[in-house]
Structure formats: structure tokens, C-alpha cells
Amino acid sequence: MRTKLTVIGAVIMLAACGGGGGDNGNSSTTPSATAAGQYTGTVNNRQAVVTVLDNGRFYTQYSVAGSSTSLGGVVAGTVSSNGGTIQSGSGFDYNLEGAGVQSVSISGTYAAKQSLNATVGYSNG
């Protein structure tokens, strides 16, 4: 079975400023084009929050269907993302509604720090 997960970005950005010397006006830092960021949205009438880290680890928290205040489960794993495409994603769905732990695969597309549209496939169909 494949489940379509569509989330719209609600990005939390952290900024830090340290003391010390300047950079002489030269900034060599470029923003990441990976899917790293935090996204919120829905999947199958469930509220979902997806956090993708810079190292490819991701964590998804989803609600019970029709109840945004009750935790239905968590999906955690790793993805590879580049140029708007998520590939080679895999992990586990830790369902708290009686389905137990299931292996999943993830693929999809994203706009960095704006939106994420992924399909989650369950190995048991």
C-alpha cells in the first residue's frame, strides 16, 4: 500500500551569531538545496509534522485520523535528497493505534524549506 504525504512548509529557522572577527564582506555560505527543514500538513486526514535533518535523518509525527490532538504514531528513517527529489528513503512506522512497527520506503519531491510531497510505501502491502 502506498500513502501520499503532502506537507506545506512551516519552517523553523535558527540563527546564531558569535563574536569575533568579520568576514570582510565575503560570504561563502550558500543555502542548502536538500529537503532539510520542518514541514507541516496532512496525510489521510491526519495532521503530520515532518522534520528532515541536514544529515538525511527524518522524523514524522502523525495524529490519529480525524483528531489533531492525539498522537497516532511516528515514522523515522533516512532519505537522500537533492535537486527537488527525495530518493532512497527508508525507515520504520511506529504506529500507536495497533498496527505495530512496519518497514517503509519513501520517495517524492520537495521545494527546499517550502513544501514536501512524498509517497510512503509499506513493505507488507
PDB file of N, CA and C in Angstrom:
ATOM      1  N   MET A   1       0.839  -1.160   0.000  1.00  0.00           N
ATOM      2  CA  MET A   1       0.000   0.000   0.000  1.00  0.00           C
ATOM      3  C   MET A   1       0.892   1.232   0.000  1.00  0.00           C
ATOM      4  N   ARG A   2       0.508   2.228  -0.737  1.00  0.00           N
ATOM      5  CA  ARG A   2       1.239   3.486  -0.763  1.00  0.00           C
ATOM      6  C   ARG A   2       0.349   4.570  -0.199  1.00  0.00           C
ATOM      7  N   THR A   3       0.924   5.403   0.632  1.00  0.00           N
ATOM      8  CA  THR A   3       0.200   6.513   1.230  1.00  0.00           C
ATOM      9  C   THR A   3       0.840   7.798   0.756  1.00  0.00           C
ATOM     10  N   LYS A   4       0.048   8.726   0.295  1.00  0.00           N
ATOM     11  CA  LYS A   4       0.554  10.005  -0.198  1.00  0.00           C
ATOM     12  C   LYS A   4       0.629  10.987   0.953  1.00  0.00           C
ATOM     13  N   LEU A   5       1.778  11.573   1.184  1.00  0.00           N
ATOM     14  CA  LEU A   5       2.007  12.539   2.251  1.00  0.00           C
ATOM     15  C   LEU A   5       2.313  13.881   1.617  1.00  0.00           C
ATOM     16  N   THR A   6       1.458  14.854   1.839  1.00  0.00           N
ATOM     17  CA  THR A   6       1.686  16.194   1.319  1.00  0.00           C
ATOM     18  C   THR A   6       1.765  17.151   2.489  1.00  0.00           C
ATOM     19  N   VAL A   7       2.872  17.844   2.606  1.00  0.00           N
ATOM     20  CA  VAL A   7       3.026  18.799   3.690  1.00  0.00           C
ATOM     21  C   VAL A   7       3.499  20.128   3.131  1.00  0.00           C
ATOM     22  N   ILE A   8       3.025  21.178   3.708  1.00  0.00           N
ATOM     23  CA  ILE A   8       3.406  22.524   3.310  1.00  0.00           C
ATOM     24  C   ILE A   8       4.348  23.081   4.365  1.00  0.00           C
ATOM     25  N   GLY A   9       5.376  23.755   3.929  1.00  0.00           N
ATOM     26  CA  GLY A   9       6.420  24.214   4.824  1.00  0.00           C
ATOM     27  C   GLY A   9       5.965  25.210   5.869  1.00  0.00           C
ATOM     28  N   ALA A  10       6.339  24.923   7.074  1.00  0.00           N
ATOM     29  CA  ALA A  10       6.230  25.865   8.179  1.00  0.00           C
ATOM     30  C   ALA A  10       7.597  25.758   8.834  1.00  0.00           C
ATOM     31  N   VAL A  11       8.538  26.378   8.238  1.00  0.00           N
ATOM     32  CA  VAL A  11       9.935  26.167   8.569  1.00  0.00           C
ATOM     33  C   VAL A  11      10.333  26.914   9.823  1.00  0.00           C
ATOM     34  N   ILE A  12      11.033  26.213  10.678  1.00  0.00           N
ATOM     35  CA  ILE A  12      11.614  26.841  11.851  1.00  0.00           C
ATOM     36  C   ILE A  12      13.086  27.063  11.544  1.00  0.00           C
ATOM     37  N   MET A  13      13.496  28.281  11.525  1.00  0.00           N
ATOM     38  CA  MET A  13      14.888  28.580  11.228  1.00  0.00           C
ATOM     39  C   MET A  13      15.552  29.139  12.474  1.00  0.00           C
ATOM     40  N   LEU A  14      16.731  28.657  12.732  1.00  0.00           N
ATOM     41  CA  LEU A  14      17.503  29.131  13.868  1.00  0.00           C
ATOM     42  C   LEU A  14      18.695  29.915  13.349  1.00  0.00           C
ATOM     43  N   ALA A  15      18.995  30.985  14.002  1.00  0.00           N
ATOM     44  CA  ALA A  15      20.158  31.778  13.620  1.00  0.00           C
ATOM     45  C   ALA A  15      21.037  31.967  14.839  1.00  0.00           C
ATOM     46  N   ALA A  16      22.311  31.955  14.610  1.00  0.00           N
ATOM     47  CA  ALA A  16      23.247  32.164  15.707  1.00  0.00           C
ATOM     48  C   ALA A  16      24.263  33.201  15.278  1.00  0.00           C
ATOM     49  N   CYS A  17      24.705  33.963  16.235  1.00  0.00           N
ATOM     50  CA  CYS A  17      25.706  34.979  15.949  1.00  0.00           C
ATOM     51  C   CYS A  17      26.787  34.887  17.015  1.00  0.00           C
ATOM     52  N   GLY A  18      27.975  34.676  16.584  1.00  0.00           N
ATOM     53  CA  GLY A  18      29.076  34.593  17.531  1.00  0.00           C
ATOM     54  C   GLY A  18      29.917  35.846  17.461  1.00  0.00           C
ATOM     55  N   GLY A  19      30.660  36.085  18.488  1.00  0.00           N
ATOM     56  CA  GLY A  19      31.533  37.253  18.493  1.00  0.00           C
ATOM     57  C   GLY A  19      32.769  36.978  17.669  1.00  0.00           C
ATOM     58  N   GLY A  20      33.595  37.951  17.558  1.00  0.00           N
ATOM     59  CA  GLY A  20      34.847  37.725  16.866  1.00  0.00           C
ATOM     60  C   GLY A  20      34.937  38.529  15.594  1.00  0.00           C
ATOM     61  N   GLY A  21      35.874  38.115  14.754  1.00  0.00           N
ATOM     62  CA  GLY A  21      36.203  38.854  13.544  1.00  0.00           C
ATOM     63  C   GLY A  21      35.128  38.812  12.487  1.00  0.00           C
ATOM     64  N   GLY A  22      35.221  39.717  11.568  1.00  0.00           N
ATOM     65  CA  GLY A  22      34.276  39.801  10.460  1.00  0.00           C
ATOM     66  C   GLY A  22      34.693  38.905   9.324  1.00  0.00           C
ATOM     67  N   ASP A  23      33.909  38.960   8.266  1.00  0.00           N
ATOM     68  CA  ASP A  23      34.216  38.123   7.120  1.00  0.00           C
ATOM     69  C   ASP A  23      34.647  38.963   5.915  1.00  0.00           C
ATOM     70  N   ASN A  24      34.972  40.218   6.152  1.00  0.00           N
ATOM     71  CA  ASN A  24      35.427  41.135   5.106  1.00  0.00           C
ATOM     72  C   ASN A  24      34.413  41.275   3.982  1.00  0.00           C
ATOM     73  N   GLY A  25      33.131  41.059   4.302  1.00  0.00           N
ATOM     74  CA  GLY A  25      32.094  41.205   3.285  1.00  0.00           C
ATOM     75  C   GLY A  25      31.980  40.032   2.341  1.00  0.00           C
ATOM     76  N   ASN A  26      32.810  39.001   2.523  1.00  0.00           N
ATOM     77  CA  ASN A  26      32.757  37.829   1.651  1.00  0.00           C
ATOM     78  C   ASN A  26      31.988  36.723   2.344  1.00  0.00           C
ATOM     79  N   SER A  27      30.870  36.368   1.812  1.00  0.00           N
ATOM     80  CA  SER A  27      30.084  35.287   2.384  1.00  0.00           C
ATOM     81  C   SER A  27      30.136  34.099   1.445  1.00  0.00           C
ATOM     82  N   SER A  28      30.739  33.014   1.898  1.00  0.00           N
ATOM     83  CA  SER A  28      30.854  31.830   1.054  1.00  0.00           C
ATOM     84  C   SER A  28      29.790  30.799   1.409  1.00  0.00           C
ATOM     85  N   THR A  29      28.883  31.150   2.307  1.00  0.00           N
ATOM     86  CA  THR A  29      27.847  30.211   2.698  1.00  0.00           C
ATOM     87  C   THR A  29      26.695  30.283   1.712  1.00  0.00           C
ATOM     88  N   THR A  30      26.319  29.132   1.168  1.00  0.00           N
ATOM     89  CA  THR A  30      25.165  29.080   0.280  1.00  0.00           C
ATOM     90  C   THR A  30      24.105  28.226   0.934  1.00  0.00           C
ATOM     91  N   PRO A  31      22.843  28.562   0.739  1.00  0.00           N
ATOM     92  CA  PRO A  31      21.784  27.787   1.363  1.00  0.00           C
ATOM     93  C   PRO A  31      21.743  26.362   0.830  1.00  0.00           C
ATOM     94  N   SER A  32      21.323  25.445   1.687  1.00  0.00           N
ATOM     95  CA  SER A  32      21.237  24.049   1.328  1.00  0.00           C
ATOM     96  C   SER A  32      20.089  23.817   0.357  1.00  0.00           C
ATOM     97  N   ALA A  33      20.320  22.996  -0.644  1.00  0.00           N
ATOM     98  CA  ALA A  33      19.270  22.650  -1.596  1.00  0.00           C
ATOM     99  C   ALA A  33      18.642  21.299  -1.240  1.00  0.00           C
ATOM    100  N   THR A  34      18.970  20.757  -0.068  1.00  0.00           N
ATOM    101  CA  THR A  34      18.373  19.494   0.349  1.00  0.00           C
ATOM    102  C   THR A  34      16.996  19.752   0.950  1.00  0.00           C
ATOM    103  N   ALA A  35      16.316  18.691   1.326  1.00  0.00           N
ATOM    104  CA  ALA A  35      14.979  18.792   1.917  1.00  0.00           C
ATOM    105  C   ALA A  35      15.027  19.161   3.396  1.00  0.00           C
ATOM    106  N   ALA A  36      16.205  19.433   3.943  1.00  0.00           N
ATOM    107  CA  ALA A  36      16.322  19.748   5.366  1.00  0.00           C
ATOM    108  C   ALA A  36      15.390  20.881   5.762  1.00  0.00           C
ATOM    109  N   GLY A  37      14.649  20.677   6.842  1.00  0.00           N
ATOM    110  CA  GLY A  37      13.715  21.677   7.340  1.00  0.00           C
ATOM    111  C   GLY A  37      12.555  21.007   8.050  1.00  0.00           C
ATOM    112  N   GLN A  38      11.600  21.808   8.457  1.00  0.00           N
ATOM    113  CA  GLN A  38      10.414  21.276   9.119  1.00  0.00           C
ATOM    114  C   GLN A  38       9.186  21.638   8.290  1.00  0.00           C
ATOM    115  N   TYR A  39       8.301  20.667   8.098  1.00  0.00           N
ATOM    116  CA  TYR A  39       7.120  20.822   7.263  1.00  0.00           C
ATOM    117  C   TYR A  39       5.892  20.341   8.033  1.00  0.00           C
ATOM    118  N   THR A  40       4.746  20.978   7.831  1.00  0.00           N
ATOM    119  CA  THR A  40       3.505  20.529   8.461  1.00  0.00           C
ATOM    120  C   THR A  40       2.441  20.359   7.388  1.00  0.00           C
ATOM    121  N   GLY A  41       1.501  19.452   7.625  1.00  0.00           N
ATOM    122  CA  GLY A  41       0.431  19.230   6.665  1.00  0.00           C
ATOM    123  C   GLY A  41      -0.438  18.065   7.069  1.00  0.00           C
ATOM    124  N   THR A  42      -1.019  17.395   6.083  1.00  0.00           N
ATOM    125  CA  THR A  42      -1.919  16.278   6.365  1.00  0.00           C
ATOM    126  C   THR A  42      -1.572  15.062   5.512  1.00  0.00           C
ATOM    127  N   VAL A  43      -1.955  13.899   6.019  1.00  0.00           N
ATOM    128  CA  VAL A  43      -1.858  12.643   5.283  1.00  0.00           C
ATOM    129  C   VAL A  43      -3.059  11.790   5.698  1.00  0.00           C
ATOM    130  N   ASN A  44      -3.896  11.412   4.746  1.00  0.00           N
ATOM    131  CA  ASN A  44      -5.073  10.581   5.030  1.00  0.00           C
ATOM    132  C   ASN A  44      -5.884  11.102   6.213  1.00  0.00           C
ATOM    133  N   ASN A  45      -6.211  12.377   6.209  1.00  0.00           N
ATOM    134  CA  ASN A  45      -6.994  13.022   7.264  1.00  0.00           C
ATOM    135  C   ASN A  45      -6.278  13.018   8.618  1.00  0.00           C
ATOM    136  N   ARG A  46      -4.978  12.987   8.595  1.00  0.00           N
ATOM    137  CA  ARG A  46      -4.158  13.033   9.807  1.00  0.00           C
ATOM    138  C   ARG A  46      -3.245  14.245   9.726  1.00  0.00           C
ATOM    139  N   GLN A  47      -3.063  14.926  10.835  1.00  0.00           N
ATOM    140  CA  GLN A  47      -2.100  16.017  10.898  1.00  0.00           C
ATOM    141  C   GLN A  47      -0.705  15.396  10.953  1.00  0.00           C
ATOM    142  N   ALA A  48       0.251  16.006  10.274  1.00  0.00           N
ATOM    143  CA  ALA A  48       1.610  15.471  10.260  1.00  0.00           C
ATOM    144  C   ALA A  48       2.623  16.607  10.367  1.00  0.00           C
ATOM    145  N   VAL A  49       3.710  16.332  11.072  1.00  0.00           N
ATOM    146  CA  VAL A  49       4.857  17.230  11.152  1.00  0.00           C
ATOM    147  C   VAL A  49       6.071  16.410  10.751  1.00  0.00           C
ATOM    148  N   VAL A  50       6.786  16.876   9.730  1.00  0.00           N
ATOM    149  CA  VAL A  50       7.968  16.181   9.231  1.00  0.00           C
ATOM    150  C   VAL A  50       9.179  17.058   9.476  1.00  0.00           C
ATOM    151  N   THR A  51      10.201  16.490  10.093  1.00  0.00           N
ATOM    152  CA  THR A  51      11.462  17.197  10.301  1.00  0.00           C
ATOM    153  C   THR A  51      12.553  16.417   9.574  1.00  0.00           C
ATOM    154  N   VAL A  52      13.235  17.073   8.640  1.00  0.00           N
ATOM    155  CA  VAL A  52      14.341  16.466   7.909  1.00  0.00           C
ATOM    156  C   VAL A  52      15.614  17.183   8.342  1.00  0.00           C
ATOM    157  N   LEU A  53      16.581  16.425   8.822  1.00  0.00           N
ATOM    158  CA  LEU A  53      17.849  17.000   9.273  1.00  0.00           C
ATOM    159  C   LEU A  53      18.842  17.092   8.117  1.00  0.00           C
ATOM    160  N   ASP A  54      19.888  17.883   8.301  1.00  0.00           N
ATOM    161  CA  ASP A  54      20.914  18.054   7.275  1.00  0.00           C
ATOM    162  C   ASP A  54      21.587  16.742   6.888  1.00  0.00           C
ATOM    163  N   ASN A  55      21.659  15.800   7.810  1.00  0.00           N
ATOM    164  CA  ASN A  55      22.327  14.529   7.541  1.00  0.00           C
ATOM    165  C   ASN A  55      21.410  13.491   6.890  1.00  0.00           C
ATOM    166  N   GLY A  56      20.158  13.877   6.564  1.00  0.00           N
ATOM    167  CA  GLY A  56      19.240  12.964   5.901  1.00  0.00           C
ATOM    168  C   GLY A  56      18.299  12.209   6.825  1.00  0.00           C
ATOM    169  N   ARG A  57      18.525  12.295   8.126  1.00  0.00           N
ATOM    170  CA  ARG A  57      17.591  11.661   9.065  1.00  0.00           C
ATOM    171  C   ARG A  57      16.279  12.428   9.017  1.00  0.00           C
ATOM    172  N   PHE A  58      15.156  11.708   9.100  1.00  0.00           N
ATOM    173  CA  PHE A  58      13.867  12.385   9.149  1.00  0.00           C
ATOM    174  C   PHE A  58      12.998  11.761  10.233  1.00  0.00           C
ATOM    175  N   TYR A  59      12.096  12.568  10.752  1.00  0.00           N
ATOM    176  CA  TYR A  59      11.165  12.156  11.788  1.00  0.00           C
ATOM    177  C   TYR A  59       9.804  12.743  11.436  1.00  0.00           C
ATOM    178  N   THR A  60       8.789  11.897  11.411  1.00  0.00           N
ATOM    179  CA  THR A  60       7.428  12.331  11.116  1.00  0.00           C
ATOM    180  C   THR A  60       6.535  11.929  12.271  1.00  0.00           C
ATOM    181  N   GLN A  61       5.823  12.873  12.789  1.00  0.00           N
ATOM    182  CA  GLN A  61       4.844  12.620  13.849  1.00  0.00           C
ATOM    183  C   GLN A  61       3.476  12.819  13.224  1.00  0.00           C
ATOM    184  N   TYR A  62       2.569  11.830  13.377  1.00  0.00           N
ATOM    185  CA  TYR A  62       1.244  11.982  12.797  1.00  0.00           C
ATOM    186  C   TYR A  62       0.158  11.699  13.827  1.00  0.00           C
ATOM    187  N   SER A  63      -0.992  12.328  13.610  1.00  0.00           N
ATOM    188  CA  SER A  63      -2.093  12.216  14.563  1.00  0.00           C
ATOM    189  C   SER A  63      -2.995  11.034  14.226  1.00  0.00           C
ATOM    190  N   VAL A  64      -3.890  10.739  15.142  1.00  0.00           N
ATOM    191  CA  VAL A  64      -4.958   9.780  14.897  1.00  0.00           C
ATOM    192  C   VAL A  64      -5.859  10.400  13.835  1.00  0.00           C
ATOM    193  N   ALA A  65      -6.393   9.589  12.923  1.00  0.00           N
ATOM    194  CA  ALA A  65      -7.262  10.105  11.865  1.00  0.00           C
ATOM    195  C   ALA A  65      -8.429  10.889  12.465  1.00  0.00           C
ATOM    196  N   GLY A  66      -8.597  12.133  12.016  1.00  0.00           N
ATOM    197  CA  GLY A  66      -9.691  12.974  12.466  1.00  0.00           C
ATOM    198  C   GLY A  66      -9.491  13.649  13.804  1.00  0.00           C
ATOM    199  N   SER A  67      -8.351  13.444  14.460  1.00  0.00           N
ATOM    200  CA  SER A  67      -8.094  14.058  15.766  1.00  0.00           C
ATOM    201  C   SER A  67      -6.680  14.621  15.800  1.00  0.00           C
ATOM    202  N   SER A  68      -6.552  15.903  15.572  1.00  0.00           N
ATOM    203  CA  SER A  68      -5.217  16.512  15.503  1.00  0.00           C
ATOM    204  C   SER A  68      -4.494  16.562  16.841  1.00  0.00           C
ATOM    205  N   THR A  69      -5.183  16.263  17.947  1.00  0.00           N
ATOM    206  CA  THR A  69      -4.550  16.354  19.260  1.00  0.00           C
ATOM    207  C   THR A  69      -4.092  15.015  19.823  1.00  0.00           C
ATOM    208  N   SER A  70      -4.380  13.906  19.134  1.00  0.00           N
ATOM    209  CA  SER A  70      -3.976  12.578  19.609  1.00  0.00           C
ATOM    210  C   SER A  70      -2.896  12.007  18.704  1.00  0.00           C
ATOM    211  N   LEU A  71      -1.781  11.579  19.306  1.00  0.00           N
ATOM    212  CA  LEU A  71      -0.665  11.023  18.548  1.00  0.00           C
ATOM    213  C   LEU A  71      -1.016   9.631  18.031  1.00  0.00           C
ATOM    214  N   GLY A  72      -0.908   9.444  16.706  1.00  0.00           N
ATOM    215  CA  GLY A  72      -1.185   8.155  16.091  1.00  0.00           C
ATOM    216  C   GLY A  72       0.065   7.330  15.865  1.00  0.00           C
ATOM    217  N   GLY A  73       1.221   8.001  15.736  1.00  0.00           N
ATOM    218  CA  GLY A  73       2.470   7.282  15.516  1.00  0.00           C
ATOM    219  C   GLY A  73       3.581   8.190  15.044  1.00  0.00           C
ATOM    220  N   VAL A  74       4.736   7.558  14.810  1.00  0.00           N
ATOM    221  CA  VAL A  74       5.938   8.260  14.380  1.00  0.00           C
ATOM    222  C   VAL A  74       6.615   7.422  13.299  1.00  0.00           C
ATOM    223  N   VAL A  75       7.067   8.082  12.247  1.00  0.00           N
ATOM    224  CA  VAL A  75       7.875   7.432  11.224  1.00  0.00           C
ATOM    225  C   VAL A  75       9.268   8.040  11.318  1.00  0.00           C
ATOM    226  N   ALA A  76      10.295   7.197  11.355  1.00  0.00           N
ATOM    227  CA  ALA A  76      11.674   7.688  11.441  1.00  0.00           C
ATOM    228  C   ALA A  76      12.537   6.894  10.474  1.00  0.00           C
ATOM    229  N   GLY A  77      13.508   7.569   9.880  1.00  0.00           N
ATOM    230  CA  GLY A  77      14.403   6.884   8.957  1.00  0.00           C
ATOM    231  C   GLY A  77      15.379   7.841   8.317  1.00  0.00           C
ATOM    232  N   THR A  78      15.811   7.510   7.104  1.00  0.00           N
ATOM    233  CA  THR A  78      16.755   8.342   6.379  1.00  0.00           C
ATOM    234  C   THR A  78      16.268   8.536   4.939  1.00  0.00           C
ATOM    235  N   VAL A  79      16.611   9.657   4.366  1.00  0.00           N
ATOM    236  CA  VAL A  79      16.322   9.939   2.964  1.00  0.00           C
ATOM    237  C   VAL A  79      17.540  10.590   2.330  1.00  0.00           C
ATOM    238  N   SER A  80      17.615  10.476   1.039  1.00  0.00           N
ATOM    239  CA  SER A  80      18.608  11.190   0.258  1.00  0.00           C
ATOM    240  C   SER A  80      17.837  12.207  -0.562  1.00  0.00           C
ATOM    241  N   SER A  81      18.228  13.462  -0.492  1.00  0.00           N
ATOM    242  CA  SER A  81      17.507  14.497  -1.228  1.00  0.00           C
ATOM    243  C   SER A  81      18.480  15.438  -1.911  1.00  0.00           C
ATOM    244  N   ASN A  82      18.123  15.780  -3.148  1.00  0.00           N
ATOM    245  CA  ASN A  82      18.955  16.694  -3.913  1.00  0.00           C
ATOM    246  C   ASN A  82      18.158  17.170  -5.121  1.00  0.00           C
ATOM    247  N   GLY A  83      18.233  18.448  -5.403  1.00  0.00           N
ATOM    248  CA  GLY A  83      17.619  18.991  -6.600  1.00  0.00           C
ATOM    249  C   GLY A  83      16.118  18.826  -6.681  1.00  0.00           C
ATOM    250  N   GLY A  84      15.434  18.778  -5.539  1.00  0.00           N
ATOM    251  CA  GLY A  84      13.988  18.685  -5.539  1.00  0.00           C
ATOM    252  C   GLY A  84      13.423  17.278  -5.510  1.00  0.00           C
ATOM    253  N   THR A  85      14.299  16.275  -5.436  1.00  0.00           N
ATOM    254  CA  THR A  85      13.848  14.882  -5.435  1.00  0.00           C
ATOM    255  C   THR A  85      14.313  14.166  -4.179  1.00  0.00           C
ATOM    256  N   ILE A  86      13.392  13.401  -3.599  1.00  0.00           N
ATOM    257  CA  ILE A  86      13.724  12.536  -2.467  1.00  0.00           C
ATOM    258  C   ILE A  86      13.788  11.116  -3.005  1.00  0.00           C
ATOM    259  N   GLN A  87      14.897  10.440  -2.750  1.00  0.00           N
ATOM    260  CA  GLN A  87      15.043   9.063  -3.189  1.00  0.00           C
ATOM    261  C   GLN A  87      15.737   8.249  -2.115  1.00  0.00           C
ATOM    262  N   SER A  88      15.726   6.962  -2.289  1.00  0.00           N
ATOM    263  CA  SER A  88      16.418   6.044  -1.371  1.00  0.00           C
ATOM    264  C   SER A  88      16.001   6.243   0.075  1.00  0.00           C
ATOM    265  N   GLY A  89      14.761   6.599   0.298  1.00  0.00           N
ATOM    266  CA  GLY A  89      14.290   6.790   1.658  1.00  0.00           C
ATOM    267  C   GLY A  89      13.783   5.488   2.249  1.00  0.00           C
ATOM    268  N   SER A  90      14.132   5.255   3.493  1.00  0.00           N
ATOM    269  CA  SER A  90      13.621   4.075   4.181  1.00  0.00           C
ATOM    270  C   SER A  90      13.553   4.367   5.675  1.00  0.00           C
ATOM    271  N   GLY A  91      12.734   3.598   6.359  1.00  0.00           N
ATOM    272  CA  GLY A  91      12.595   3.785   7.795  1.00  0.00           C
ATOM    273  C   GLY A  91      11.547   2.868   8.362  1.00  0.00           C
ATOM    274  N   PHE A  92      11.023   3.253   9.515  1.00  0.00           N
ATOM    275  CA  PHE A  92      10.030   2.449  10.208  1.00  0.00           C
ATOM    276  C   PHE A  92       8.891   3.333  10.687  1.00  0.00           C
ATOM    277  N   ASP A  93       7.674   2.812  10.562  1.00  0.00           N
ATOM    278  CA  ASP A  93       6.472   3.466  11.075  1.00  0.00           C
ATOM    279  C   ASP A  93       6.162   2.814  12.413  1.00  0.00           C
ATOM    280  N   TYR A  94       6.242   3.583  13.480  1.00  0.00           N
ATOM    281  CA  TYR A  94       5.933   3.116  14.831  1.00  0.00           C
ATOM    282  C   TYR A  94       4.505   3.553  15.135  1.00  0.00           C
ATOM    283  N   ASN A  95       3.539   2.718  14.742  1.00  0.00           N
ATOM    284  CA  ASN A  95       2.131   3.049  14.852  1.00  0.00           C
ATOM    285  C   ASN A  95       1.633   2.736  16.260  1.00  0.00           C
ATOM    286  N   LEU A  96       0.959   3.701  16.878  1.00  0.00           N
ATOM    287  CA  LEU A  96       0.459   3.549  18.242  1.00  0.00           C
ATOM    288  C   LEU A  96      -1.011   3.149  18.279  1.00  0.00           C
ATOM    289  N   GLU A  97      -1.586   2.855  17.099  1.00  0.00           N
ATOM    290  CA  GLU A  97      -3.001   2.519  17.013  1.00  0.00           C
ATOM    291  C   GLU A  97      -3.246   1.020  16.832  1.00  0.00           C
ATOM    292  N   GLY A  98      -2.220   0.212  17.038  1.00  0.00           N
ATOM    293  CA  GLY A  98      -2.390  -1.230  16.950  1.00  0.00           C
ATOM    294  C   GLY A  98      -1.728  -1.898  15.766  1.00  0.00           C
ATOM    295  N   ALA A  99      -1.215  -1.127  14.803  1.00  0.00           N
ATOM    296  CA  ALA A  99      -0.573  -1.720  13.627  1.00  0.00           C
ATOM    297  C   ALA A  99       0.873  -2.123  13.895  1.00  0.00           C
ATOM    298  N   GLY A 100       1.433  -1.723  15.029  1.00  0.00           N
ATOM    299  CA  GLY A 100       2.804  -2.093  15.375  1.00  0.00           C
ATOM    300  C   GLY A 100       3.845  -1.342  14.574  1.00  0.00           C
ATOM    301  N   VAL A 101       5.003  -1.968  14.400  1.00  0.00           N
ATOM    302  CA  VAL A 101       6.127  -1.363  13.685  1.00  0.00           C
ATOM    303  C   VAL A 101       6.181  -1.963  12.283  1.00  0.00           C
ATOM    304  N   GLN A 102       6.239  -1.086  11.280  1.00  0.00           N
ATOM    305  CA  GLN A 102       6.279  -1.542   9.898  1.00  0.00           C
ATOM    306  C   GLN A 102       7.413  -0.849   9.149  1.00  0.00           C
ATOM    307  N   SER A 103       8.072  -1.597   8.291  1.00  0.00           N
ATOM    308  CA  SER A 103       9.116  -1.056   7.435  1.00  0.00           C
ATOM    309  C   SER A 103       8.475  -0.235   6.318  1.00  0.00           C
ATOM    310  N   VAL A 104       9.082   0.922   5.992  1.00  0.00           N
ATOM    311  CA  VAL A 104       8.552   1.786   4.941  1.00  0.00           C
ATOM    312  C   VAL A 104       9.659   2.230   3.990  1.00  0.00           C
ATOM    313  N   SER A 105       9.244   2.611   2.781  1.00  0.00           N
ATOM    314  CA  SER A 105      10.143   3.263   1.834  1.00  0.00           C
ATOM    315  C   SER A 105       9.516   4.600   1.471  1.00  0.00           C
ATOM    316  N   ILE A 106      10.350   5.585   1.172  1.00  0.00           N
ATOM    317  CA  ILE A 106       9.877   6.937   0.922  1.00  0.00           C
ATOM    318  C   ILE A 106      10.491   7.459  -0.367  1.00  0.00           C
ATOM    319  N   SER A 107       9.673   8.130  -1.182  1.00  0.00           N
ATOM    320  CA  SER A 107      10.166   8.825  -2.365  1.00  0.00           C
ATOM    321  C   SER A 107       9.257  10.027  -2.591  1.00  0.00           C
ATOM    322  N   GLY A 108       9.736  10.995  -3.331  1.00  0.00           N
ATOM    323  CA  GLY A 108       8.891  12.154  -3.591  1.00  0.00           C
ATOM    324  C   GLY A 108       9.662  13.354  -4.089  1.00  0.00           C
ATOM    325  N   THR A 109       9.026  14.511  -3.918  1.00  0.00           N
ATOM    326  CA  THR A 109       9.614  15.771  -4.351  1.00  0.00           C
ATOM    327  C   THR A 109       9.491  16.802  -3.237  1.00  0.00           C
ATOM    328  N   TYR A 110      10.253  17.876  -3.350  1.00  0.00           N
ATOM    329  CA  TYR A 110      10.211  18.949  -2.365  1.00  0.00           C
ATOM    330  C   TYR A 110      10.673  20.251  -2.991  1.00  0.00           C
ATOM    331  N   ALA A 111      10.263  21.327  -2.375  1.00  0.00           N
ATOM    332  CA  ALA A 111      10.813  22.653  -2.629  1.00  0.00           C
ATOM    333  C   ALA A 111      11.475  23.026  -1.305  1.00  0.00           C
ATOM    334  N   ALA A 112      12.772  23.186  -1.294  1.00  0.00           N
ATOM    335  CA  ALA A 112      13.545  23.373  -0.065  1.00  0.00           C
ATOM    336  C   ALA A 112      12.913  24.381   0.883  1.00  0.00           C
ATOM    337  N   LYS A 113      12.625  23.929   2.087  1.00  0.00           N
ATOM    338  CA  LYS A 113      12.077  24.730   3.178  1.00  0.00           C
ATOM    339  C   LYS A 113      10.711  25.339   2.859  1.00  0.00           C
ATOM    340  N   GLN A 114      10.006  24.784   1.858  1.00  0.00           N
ATOM    341  CA  GLN A 114       8.690  25.289   1.485  1.00  0.00           C
ATOM    342  C   GLN A 114       7.633  24.197   1.459  1.00  0.00           C
ATOM    343  N   SER A 115       7.877  23.116   0.724  1.00  0.00           N
ATOM    344  CA  SER A 115       6.869  22.061   0.624  1.00  0.00           C
ATOM    345  C   SER A 115       7.529  20.706   0.408  1.00  0.00           C
ATOM    346  N   LEU A 116       6.797  19.667   0.773  1.00  0.00           N
ATOM    347  CA  LEU A 116       7.270  18.290   0.654  1.00  0.00           C
ATOM    348  C   LEU A 116       6.079  17.453   0.220  1.00  0.00           C
ATOM    349  N   ASN A 117       6.252  16.654  -0.820  1.00  0.00           N
ATOM    350  CA  ASN A 117       5.202  15.788  -1.323  1.00  0.00           C
ATOM    351  C   ASN A 117       5.818  14.404  -1.495  1.00  0.00           C
ATOM    352  N   ALA A 118       5.484  13.477  -0.604  1.00  0.00           N
ATOM    353  CA  ALA A 118       6.148  12.185  -0.604  1.00  0.00           C
ATOM    354  C   ALA A 118       5.146  11.042  -0.605  1.00  0.00           C
ATOM    355  N   THR A 119       5.575   9.911  -1.131  1.00  0.00           N
ATOM    356  CA  THR A 119       4.802   8.679  -1.085  1.00  0.00           C
ATOM    357  C   THR A 119       5.511   7.729  -0.146  1.00  0.00           C
ATOM    358  N   VAL A 120       4.747   7.166   0.787  1.00  0.00           N
ATOM    359  CA  VAL A 120       5.282   6.222   1.754  1.00  0.00           C
ATOM    360  C   VAL A 120       4.735   4.848   1.391  1.00  0.00           C
ATOM    361  N   GLY A 121       5.633   3.900   1.099  1.00  0.00           N
ATOM    362  CA  GLY A 121       5.237   2.540   0.755  1.00  0.00           C
ATOM    363  C   GLY A 121       5.517   1.603   1.916  1.00  0.00           C
ATOM    364  N   TYR A 122       4.547   0.759   2.224  1.00  0.00           N
ATOM    365  CA  TYR A 122       4.705  -0.219   3.304  1.00  0.00           C
ATOM    366  C   TYR A 122       5.095  -1.565   2.712  1.00  0.00           C
ATOM    367  N   SER A 123       6.097  -2.211   3.280  1.00  0.00           N
ATOM    368  CA  SER A 123       6.613  -3.455   2.738  1.00  0.00           C
ATOM    369  C   SER A 123       5.602  -4.594   2.817  1.00  0.00           C
ATOM    370  N   ASN A 124       4.659  -4.524   3.731  1.00  0.00           N
ATOM    371  CA  ASN A 124       3.666  -5.592   3.864  1.00  0.00           C
ATOM    372  C   ASN A 124       2.424  -5.337   3.013  1.00  0.00           C
ATOM    373  N   GLY A 125       2.462  -4.312   2.166  1.00  0.00           N
ATOM    374  CA  GLY A 125       1.340  -4.002   1.297  1.00  0.00           C
ATOM    375  C   GLY A 125       0.286  -3.223   2.001  1.00  0.00           C
TER     376      GLY A 125
END
